[in-house]
Amino acid sequence: MKKLLLLGGLRYLIPVIHEAHKLGYYVITCDNVPNNIAHKYSDQYFNRNILEKEAVVELAEQLEIDGVMSFAVDPGVLTAAYVAEKLSLPFAGSYESVRILQNKDLFRAFLTEHNFNVPAFGGYSNLAEAINEIDKFTFPVIVKPVDSAGSKGVTRVDSLVDLEAAVCEAKNLSFSKRFIIEDFIEQEGYSSDSDCFSIDGKLVFTSFSDQMFEKNTANPYTPSAYVWPNSMTTEQTSLLERELQRLFTLLNLKSSIYNIETRVGLDGSPYIMEVSPRGGGNRISEILKEATGVDLIKAAVQVSVGDLVDFPSSFKYDGVWSELILYADKKGSFESLAIDESVIPYIVEQDLWVSSGDKVYPFTGANETIGTVLFKFNSRKELDSIWSQVRGAVRVSIK
C-alpha cells in the first residue's frame, strides 16, 4: 500500500483523502493544528509545523512515504518540494523552481528576466527601502506579502500617505516579513483564478475563470465568486496558454496540478500573476470536475506517488457554472443562511461550514470563508440576467 503524506488539515483536503483511499493509498496528514477537520479522515496524523522543513523530512523518512502533497495549503508547498527532493519523490519540479514560484519577489524577477509581461515591482523588507524606490511606481499600486496566499494582506494604495499602513499589514501576514509593491494592472474584463495540470512538463488541462469581487467587503481584493467558463476571447486564452507553457519549460516543471492566476491588461497584454504547484482553495478542482468531468484531484493524487495518469485529450464545459463564496460582513456569531426561492432552481449544491452560534469574522481573506453555493446555468446570458440579484438572494445572518 502506497503512503501519501498530506501537509495541512483544511477541509479542502477531505476530497483528496477520499480519492486517495479509493485508489488504495494510506494517507497521513501533518500539521500543528490537531483540531483541523481533515485529520478526522486520514489514516494517521502527526503534529509537526509544516514550515519546519527538516522536521517534516525526518518524519517522511521514518514513515517511508511514496509521495507528498500540500493541496490547497500554500504554506506547505515549499516544504513539500523540499521533502520530495531530499527523498527523490515525484513532485512538480525542483526545490529551486518551486521556490521561485512560491515567492512573489523571485517570481516577478524571473518573469522579467525571461521577457514575460510584468508590472513594475519591487521586493522589500521595510518601508524605508520601498520609499527609496517609490518613483519607479505609478499610483495606484498593490502591496502584498511575498509569501502569502488567499488575498491575505493585499491592499491597493492610491497615494503615498496610505503606504505605511499597507506595508505593515503585508509584513504582518508574511512568513519572511517581506512584501512587494507592484503597479496596479487595469484589466480588461475579469481576472482568472483556476486550476491547471501538466504531465511531463506539458500543459494537458488549462482552465480560466471569471473571478469576481465585492467592493464593500473587509478586503475588496478577496474573490467572492467565480464563473466557468470565463469570458476571455479565444485569442487571449491561447496567448496565456502559450506563455504558461513557456514558463513551465523554462522552470523544467514536470507532472502536477497548479493553481494559476492570470489577467489581461487594457492593452491586451496577458499577465501571469501567480502559479503555485497545488490545487486551489475554494473547491476549484471539485467544481471543475462537476463542470468538465475531468478529475484533477484524482490525477494529482496519482502523480504524487508516481502512478500513471490517463488524462483526457480534450474537455468541454457542461453549461455555465458559478461558485458564490459565503462570508460574514462583521465579527459575531453565525445565525442562519436564507436563500430566496427565485435562485433555488439554479443551485446545484450548498456547502455550509459553520453552525448556529459559531464565531465568524469579517472577510479579510479566503481563510474567513464560511461556505459556498454552487450554481449551474444553461448559458452565460442566463447567468448574467440573474447574477446581480444572487448576493441579495443568498443572505448570511450574523448576530
Protein backbone atom coordinates (compact mmCIF):
# COMPACT_ATOMS: atom_id res chain seq x y z
CA MET A 1 0.00 0.00 0.00
CA LYS A 2 1.49 3.34 -1.07
CA LYS A 3 1.75 6.06 1.56
CA LEU A 4 0.81 9.66 0.83
CA LEU A 5 1.80 12.47 3.18
CA LEU A 6 -0.53 15.49 3.07
CA LEU A 7 0.71 18.73 4.64
CA GLY A 8 -2.08 20.65 6.35
CA GLY A 9 -5.52 19.70 7.58
CA LEU A 10 -8.00 22.10 5.98
CA ARG A 11 -11.36 20.88 4.68
CA TYR A 12 -10.07 21.19 1.11
CA LEU A 13 -8.02 18.05 1.81
CA ILE A 14 -11.07 15.90 2.52
CA PRO A 15 -11.83 15.10 -1.16
CA VAL A 16 -8.10 14.43 -1.67
CA ILE A 17 -8.15 11.90 1.17
CA HIS A 18 -11.32 10.27 -0.18
CA GLU A 19 -9.76 9.93 -3.64
CA ALA A 20 -6.53 8.52 -2.23
CA HIS A 21 -8.50 5.92 -0.29
CA LYS A 22 -10.41 4.94 -3.43
CA LEU A 23 -7.05 4.36 -5.11
CA GLY A 24 -5.91 2.18 -2.22
CA TYR A 25 -3.36 4.57 -0.70
CA TYR A 26 -2.60 5.04 3.00
CA VAL A 27 -2.99 8.73 3.91
CA ILE A 28 -1.07 10.60 6.60
CA THR A 29 -1.87 14.21 7.47
CA CYS A 30 0.57 16.52 9.16
CA ASP A 31 0.39 20.00 10.71
CA ASN A 32 0.46 21.58 14.15
CA VAL A 33 -3.31 22.12 14.42
CA PRO A 34 -4.75 18.83 15.76
CA ASN A 35 -8.34 20.06 15.52
CA ASN A 36 -8.19 20.67 11.76
CA ILE A 37 -11.05 18.78 10.16
CA ALA A 38 -9.13 16.74 7.57
CA HIS A 39 -7.28 14.81 10.29
CA LYS A 40 -10.55 13.02 11.09
CA TYR A 41 -10.47 11.41 7.64
CA SER A 42 -6.81 10.43 7.30
CA ASP A 43 -5.37 7.09 8.41
CA GLN A 44 -2.79 8.73 10.63
CA TYR A 45 -1.96 12.21 11.91
CA PHE A 46 1.32 13.72 13.10
CA ASN A 47 1.74 17.04 14.87
CA ARG A 48 4.51 18.92 13.08
CA ASN A 49 4.93 22.53 11.95
CA ILE A 50 4.81 22.27 8.15
CA LEU A 51 7.12 25.29 7.84
CA GLU A 52 9.92 23.36 9.56
CA LYS A 53 11.35 21.53 6.56
CA GLU A 54 13.90 19.33 8.32
CA ALA A 55 11.33 18.11 10.86
CA VAL A 56 8.98 17.12 8.06
CA VAL A 57 11.81 15.40 6.15
CA GLU A 58 12.66 13.40 9.27
CA LEU A 59 9.01 12.36 9.64
CA ALA A 60 8.74 11.44 5.96
CA GLU A 61 11.86 9.28 6.19
CA GLN A 62 10.52 7.46 9.26
CA LEU A 63 7.19 6.82 7.55
CA GLU A 64 8.80 5.69 4.28
CA ILE A 65 6.29 7.68 2.24
CA ASP A 66 5.79 7.32 -1.51
CA GLY A 67 4.54 10.85 -2.15
CA VAL A 68 3.92 14.24 -0.58
CA MET A 69 1.37 16.97 -1.36
CA SER A 70 0.28 20.32 0.03
CA PHE A 71 -3.07 20.54 -1.73
CA ALA A 72 -4.69 23.99 -1.29
CA VAL A 73 -2.31 24.65 1.62
CA ASP A 74 0.05 27.31 0.30
CA PRO A 75 2.42 27.47 3.33
CA GLY A 76 3.30 23.80 2.90
CA VAL A 77 4.15 23.81 -0.81
CA LEU A 78 7.81 24.74 -0.41
CA THR A 79 8.25 22.17 2.36
CA ALA A 80 6.63 19.51 0.17
CA ALA A 81 9.07 20.34 -2.63
CA TYR A 82 11.98 20.13 -0.18
CA VAL A 83 10.85 16.74 1.15
CA ALA A 84 10.35 15.41 -2.38
CA GLU A 85 13.81 16.50 -3.48
CA LYS A 86 15.52 15.12 -0.37
CA LEU A 87 13.79 11.74 -0.68
CA SER A 88 13.75 11.56 -4.51
CA LEU A 89 9.95 11.53 -4.64
CA PRO A 90 7.74 12.76 -7.51
CA PHE A 91 6.93 16.48 -7.48
CA ALA A 92 6.06 19.37 -9.80
CA GLY A 93 9.68 20.45 -10.13
CA SER A 94 12.92 21.04 -8.32
CA TYR A 95 13.01 22.79 -4.96
CA GLU A 96 14.59 25.83 -6.64
CA SER A 97 11.86 26.04 -9.31
CA VAL A 98 9.14 25.77 -6.68
CA ARG A 99 10.90 28.39 -4.54
CA ILE A 100 10.71 30.80 -7.48
CA LEU A 101 7.00 30.11 -7.96
CA GLN A 102 6.16 30.45 -4.27
CA ASN A 103 7.93 33.76 -3.67
CA LYS A 104 6.29 36.72 -5.39
CA ASP A 105 9.54 38.71 -5.38
CA LEU A 106 11.57 35.92 -7.01
CA PHE A 107 8.72 35.07 -9.40
CA ARG A 108 8.38 38.62 -10.71
CA ALA A 109 12.16 38.80 -11.16
CA PHE A 110 12.16 35.51 -13.09
CA LEU A 111 9.32 36.68 -15.33
CA THR A 112 11.18 39.93 -16.02
CA GLU A 113 14.43 38.12 -16.84
CA HIS A 114 12.63 35.97 -19.40
CA ASN A 115 10.62 38.74 -21.05
CA PHE A 116 7.14 37.96 -19.75
CA ASN A 117 4.70 40.82 -19.21
CA VAL A 118 5.29 42.07 -15.67
CA PRO A 119 4.08 45.20 -13.88
CA ALA A 120 6.71 47.46 -12.33
CA PHE A 121 7.56 45.83 -8.99
CA GLY A 122 9.98 45.72 -6.10
CA GLY A 123 10.53 43.47 -3.09
CA TYR A 124 11.37 45.00 0.28
CA SER A 125 11.93 44.28 3.96
CA ASN A 126 10.91 47.68 5.33
CA LEU A 127 9.14 50.90 4.49
CA ALA A 128 12.32 52.94 4.08
CA GLU A 129 13.57 50.64 1.30
CA ALA A 130 10.25 50.98 -0.51
CA ILE A 131 10.09 54.77 -0.22
CA ASN A 132 13.63 54.99 -1.58
CA GLU A 133 12.35 53.43 -4.83
CA ILE A 134 8.84 54.83 -4.89
CA ASP A 135 9.49 56.87 -8.05
CA LYS A 136 9.64 53.66 -10.12
CA PHE A 137 5.91 53.11 -9.49
CA THR A 138 2.77 54.78 -10.77
CA PHE A 139 -0.10 55.00 -8.28
CA PRO A 140 -2.31 53.14 -7.68
CA VAL A 141 -0.12 50.24 -6.57
CA ILE A 142 -0.76 46.90 -4.91
CA VAL A 143 1.09 45.94 -1.72
CA LYS A 144 1.14 42.27 -0.71
CA PRO A 145 3.24 39.75 1.27
CA VAL A 146 5.80 37.91 -0.85
CA ASP A 147 4.75 34.53 0.54
CA SER A 148 1.07 34.53 1.40
CA ALA A 149 -2.00 33.33 -0.50
CA GLY A 150 -5.77 33.71 -0.33
CA SER A 151 -5.56 37.52 -0.78
CA LYS A 152 -4.38 37.91 2.83
CA GLY A 153 -2.54 41.18 3.38
CA VAL A 154 -3.29 42.56 -0.09
CA THR A 155 -4.02 46.29 -0.24
CA ARG A 156 -4.50 48.77 -3.05
CA VAL A 157 -2.68 52.04 -2.29
CA ASP A 158 -3.69 55.19 -4.15
CA SER A 159 -1.20 57.62 -2.60
CA LEU A 160 2.00 57.70 -0.58
CA VAL A 161 0.03 58.70 2.52
CA ASP A 162 -1.52 55.22 2.74
CA LEU A 163 1.63 53.23 2.02
CA GLU A 164 2.83 52.70 5.60
CA ALA A 165 -0.39 51.07 6.78
CA ALA A 166 -0.42 48.74 3.78
CA VAL A 167 3.21 47.75 4.34
CA CYS A 168 2.52 46.96 8.00
CA GLU A 169 -0.43 44.78 7.02
CA ALA A 170 1.59 42.90 4.40
CA LYS A 171 4.58 42.33 6.67
CA ASN A 172 2.37 41.08 9.49
CA LEU A 173 0.99 38.38 7.19
CA SER A 174 4.32 37.40 5.61
CA PHE A 175 6.24 34.41 6.92
CA SER A 176 9.52 36.03 5.87
CA LYS A 177 8.41 39.58 6.83
CA ARG A 178 8.90 40.78 3.26
CA PHE A 179 6.48 42.44 0.88
CA ILE A 180 6.24 43.51 -2.73
CA ILE A 181 4.88 46.64 -4.33
CA GLU A 182 3.69 46.49 -7.93
CA ASP A 183 1.80 48.74 -10.28
CA PHE A 184 -1.92 48.03 -10.33
CA ILE A 185 -2.85 46.49 -13.69
CA GLU A 186 -6.04 47.93 -15.08
CA GLN A 187 -7.55 44.80 -16.56
CA GLU A 188 -9.86 44.05 -19.41
CA GLY A 189 -12.88 42.11 -18.17
CA TYR A 190 -12.26 39.75 -15.27
CA SER A 191 -9.12 38.28 -13.77
CA SER A 192 -8.88 34.49 -13.58
CA ASP A 193 -8.09 32.09 -10.75
CA SER A 194 -8.38 28.43 -11.67
CA ASP A 195 -6.60 25.07 -11.70
CA CYS A 196 -4.47 23.57 -14.47
CA PHE A 197 -2.48 20.36 -14.93
CA SER A 198 0.76 19.27 -16.57
CA ILE A 199 2.11 15.84 -17.47
CA ASP A 200 5.87 15.60 -18.00
CA GLY A 201 6.03 19.38 -18.36
CA LYS A 202 3.26 19.68 -20.94
CA LEU A 203 0.07 21.52 -20.08
CA VAL A 204 -2.70 18.99 -20.66
CA PHE A 205 -5.54 20.82 -18.92
CA THR A 206 -5.93 24.58 -18.74
CA SER A 207 -8.94 26.34 -17.26
CA PHE A 208 -9.71 30.01 -16.74
CA SER A 209 -12.44 31.56 -14.61
CA ASP A 210 -14.07 34.94 -14.21
CA GLN A 211 -13.04 35.99 -10.73
CA MET A 212 -15.49 38.40 -9.09
CA PHE A 213 -15.02 40.80 -6.19
CA GLU A 214 -17.25 42.95 -4.00
CA LYS A 215 -16.19 46.47 -3.10
CA ASN A 216 -17.89 46.57 0.28
CA THR A 217 -16.19 43.56 1.87
CA ALA A 218 -13.49 43.88 4.54
CA ASN A 219 -10.94 43.10 1.82
CA PRO A 220 -12.24 44.01 -1.66
CA TYR A 221 -9.36 42.02 -3.22
CA THR A 222 -10.57 38.69 -1.86
CA PRO A 223 -12.59 36.83 -4.53
CA SER A 224 -16.27 36.50 -3.67
CA ALA A 225 -17.41 34.44 -6.69
CA TYR A 226 -16.16 32.52 -9.73
CA VAL A 227 -17.64 31.66 -13.13
CA TRP A 228 -16.61 28.91 -15.58
CA PRO A 229 -16.03 29.09 -18.50
CA ASN A 230 -14.52 32.54 -18.44
CA SER A 231 -15.35 35.44 -20.74
CA MET A 232 -11.89 36.00 -22.27
CA THR A 233 -11.58 35.65 -26.03
CA THR A 234 -10.09 32.52 -27.58
CA GLU A 235 -7.11 34.60 -28.68
CA GLN A 236 -6.50 35.81 -25.12
CA THR A 237 -6.70 32.34 -23.58
CA SER A 238 -4.43 30.96 -26.31
CA LEU A 239 -1.86 33.67 -25.54
CA LEU A 240 -1.96 32.83 -21.85
CA GLU A 241 -1.68 29.11 -22.53
CA ARG A 242 1.42 29.68 -24.66
CA GLU A 243 3.01 31.86 -22.01
CA LEU A 244 2.22 29.33 -19.29
CA GLN A 245 3.77 26.55 -21.35
CA ARG A 246 6.88 28.69 -21.92
CA LEU A 247 7.13 29.26 -18.17
CA PHE A 248 6.77 25.55 -17.43
CA THR A 249 9.50 24.73 -19.94
CA LEU A 250 11.89 27.34 -18.54
CA LEU A 251 11.40 26.04 -14.99
CA ASN A 252 11.60 22.40 -16.11
CA LEU A 253 8.31 21.58 -14.41
CA LYS A 254 7.01 18.02 -14.54
CA SER A 255 3.64 16.47 -13.59
CA SER A 256 1.37 18.33 -11.20
CA ILE A 257 -1.79 20.27 -10.55
CA TYR A 258 -1.37 24.08 -10.38
CA ASN A 259 -3.43 26.97 -9.12
CA ILE A 260 -2.89 29.80 -11.60
CA GLU A 261 -3.97 33.45 -11.53
CA THR A 262 -3.92 35.46 -14.75
CA ARG A 263 -5.36 38.62 -16.24
CA VAL A 264 -5.37 40.60 -19.46
CA GLY A 265 -4.41 44.28 -19.37
CA LEU A 266 -6.38 47.02 -21.12
CA ASP A 267 -3.78 46.92 -23.89
CA GLY A 268 -4.50 43.24 -24.49
CA SER A 269 -1.26 42.03 -22.88
CA PRO A 270 -1.54 38.73 -20.94
CA TYR A 271 -0.16 38.67 -17.39
CA ILE A 272 0.68 35.58 -15.34
CA MET A 273 0.16 36.80 -11.79
CA GLU A 274 0.60 33.64 -9.70
CA VAL A 275 1.48 29.98 -10.33
CA SER A 276 1.55 27.54 -7.42
CA PRO A 277 2.03 23.76 -7.72
CA ARG A 278 -1.02 22.88 -5.63
CA GLY A 279 -4.75 22.70 -6.02
CA GLY A 280 -6.54 25.98 -5.41
CA GLY A 281 -8.74 26.73 -2.43
CA ASN A 282 -12.44 27.48 -2.69
CA ARG A 283 -13.08 23.94 -4.02
CA ILE A 284 -11.93 24.88 -7.53
CA SER A 285 -10.92 21.36 -8.60
CA GLU A 286 -14.12 19.90 -7.18
CA ILE A 287 -16.19 22.32 -9.23
CA LEU A 288 -14.14 21.72 -12.37
CA LYS A 289 -14.92 18.00 -12.09
CA GLU A 290 -18.64 18.84 -11.98
CA ALA A 291 -18.33 21.28 -14.87
CA THR A 292 -16.00 19.33 -17.18
CA GLY A 293 -15.89 15.74 -15.96
CA VAL A 294 -12.10 15.97 -15.55
CA ASP A 295 -10.98 14.71 -12.13
CA LEU A 296 -7.97 16.87 -11.29
CA ILE A 297 -7.88 15.68 -7.69
CA LYS A 298 -7.58 12.02 -8.66
CA ALA A 299 -4.85 12.88 -11.19
CA ALA A 300 -2.97 14.98 -8.61
CA VAL A 301 -3.02 12.13 -6.11
CA GLN A 302 -1.83 9.63 -8.72
CA VAL A 303 1.14 11.68 -9.94
CA SER A 304 2.15 12.50 -6.35
CA VAL A 305 3.09 8.84 -5.79
CA GLY A 306 4.44 8.27 -9.30
CA ASP A 307 1.45 6.47 -10.79
CA LEU A 308 0.46 6.97 -14.40
CA VAL A 309 -2.49 9.18 -15.30
CA ASP A 310 -4.81 8.59 -18.24
CA PHE A 311 -5.66 12.23 -18.97
CA PRO A 312 -8.42 13.12 -21.48
CA SER A 313 -7.16 14.73 -24.66
CA SER A 314 -9.88 17.40 -24.55
CA PHE A 315 -12.81 18.58 -22.47
CA LYS A 316 -15.79 20.88 -22.63
CA TYR A 317 -17.95 22.64 -20.07
CA ASP A 318 -21.39 21.21 -19.39
CA GLY A 319 -23.18 24.55 -19.08
CA VAL A 320 -22.08 27.64 -17.16
CA TRP A 321 -21.08 27.16 -13.53
CA SER A 322 -20.64 29.67 -10.75
CA GLU A 323 -19.49 29.48 -7.18
CA LEU A 324 -20.67 32.04 -4.64
CA ILE A 325 -18.44 32.43 -1.58
CA LEU A 326 -20.31 32.74 1.72
CA TYR A 327 -18.81 35.10 4.29
CA ALA A 328 -19.61 37.29 7.29
CA ASP A 329 -19.72 41.05 6.89
CA LYS A 330 -18.80 41.59 10.54
CA LYS A 331 -17.41 39.84 13.61
CA GLY A 332 -20.02 37.93 15.54
CA SER A 333 -21.88 34.64 15.71
CA PHE A 334 -23.36 32.87 12.72
CA GLU A 335 -27.14 32.78 12.96
CA SER A 336 -28.58 31.47 9.67
CA LEU A 337 -28.40 31.19 5.90
CA ALA A 338 -31.51 32.16 3.94
CA ILE A 339 -31.96 31.60 0.20
CA ASP A 340 -34.79 33.09 -1.85
CA GLU A 341 -36.89 30.77 -3.98
CA SER A 342 -36.01 32.81 -7.08
CA VAL A 343 -32.45 31.36 -7.25
CA ILE A 344 -33.10 27.86 -5.91
CA PRO A 345 -33.70 26.33 -9.40
CA TYR A 346 -30.11 27.21 -10.35
CA ILE A 347 -28.46 25.78 -7.23
CA VAL A 348 -26.56 22.50 -7.57
CA GLU A 349 -25.09 22.37 -4.08
CA GLN A 350 -24.85 24.24 -0.78
CA ASP A 351 -21.81 23.67 1.40
CA LEU A 352 -22.10 25.47 4.75
CA TRP A 353 -19.09 25.16 7.05
CA VAL A 354 -20.48 26.76 10.21
CA SER A 355 -23.35 26.08 12.60
CA SER A 356 -25.60 28.41 14.55
CA GLY A 357 -23.60 30.12 17.29
CA ASP A 358 -20.16 29.61 15.70
CA LYS A 359 -17.84 32.61 15.81
CA VAL A 360 -17.22 34.27 12.45
CA TYR A 361 -15.01 37.13 11.31
CA PRO A 362 -15.01 39.75 8.53
CA PHE A 363 -13.99 38.60 5.05
CA THR A 364 -10.36 39.76 5.09
CA GLY A 365 -9.08 36.71 3.20
CA ALA A 366 -10.12 33.35 1.81
CA ASN A 367 -9.44 31.77 5.21
CA GLU A 368 -12.58 33.51 6.54
CA THR A 369 -14.87 31.76 4.05
CA ILE A 370 -17.80 30.08 5.82
CA GLY A 371 -19.20 28.10 2.90
CA THR A 372 -20.04 28.04 -0.78
CA VAL A 373 -23.06 27.78 -3.05
CA LEU A 374 -22.65 26.20 -6.49
CA PHE A 375 -24.89 27.27 -9.38
CA LYS A 376 -25.40 25.94 -12.88
CA PHE A 377 -26.88 27.90 -15.79
CA ASN A 378 -27.71 26.94 -19.36
CA SER A 379 -25.80 29.89 -20.81
CA ARG A 380 -23.76 32.95 -19.89
CA LYS A 381 -26.73 35.07 -20.93
CA GLU A 382 -28.89 33.30 -18.37
CA LEU A 383 -26.26 33.79 -15.64
CA ASP A 384 -25.85 37.49 -16.47
CA SER A 385 -29.60 38.03 -16.33
CA ILE A 386 -29.81 36.90 -12.69
CA TRP A 387 -26.34 37.26 -11.19
CA SER A 388 -26.80 40.83 -9.91
CA GLN A 389 -29.64 39.52 -7.71
CA VAL A 390 -27.82 36.47 -6.34
CA ARG A 391 -25.93 38.00 -3.42
CA GLY A 392 -29.11 39.63 -2.16
CA ALA A 393 -30.98 36.36 -2.55
CA VAL A 394 -28.38 34.39 -0.52
CA ARG A 395 -28.27 36.05 2.89
CA VAL A 396 -25.92 35.28 5.76
CA SER A 397 -27.25 36.48 9.14
CA ILE A 398 -24.74 37.37 11.86
CA LYS A 399 -25.56 38.46 15.38
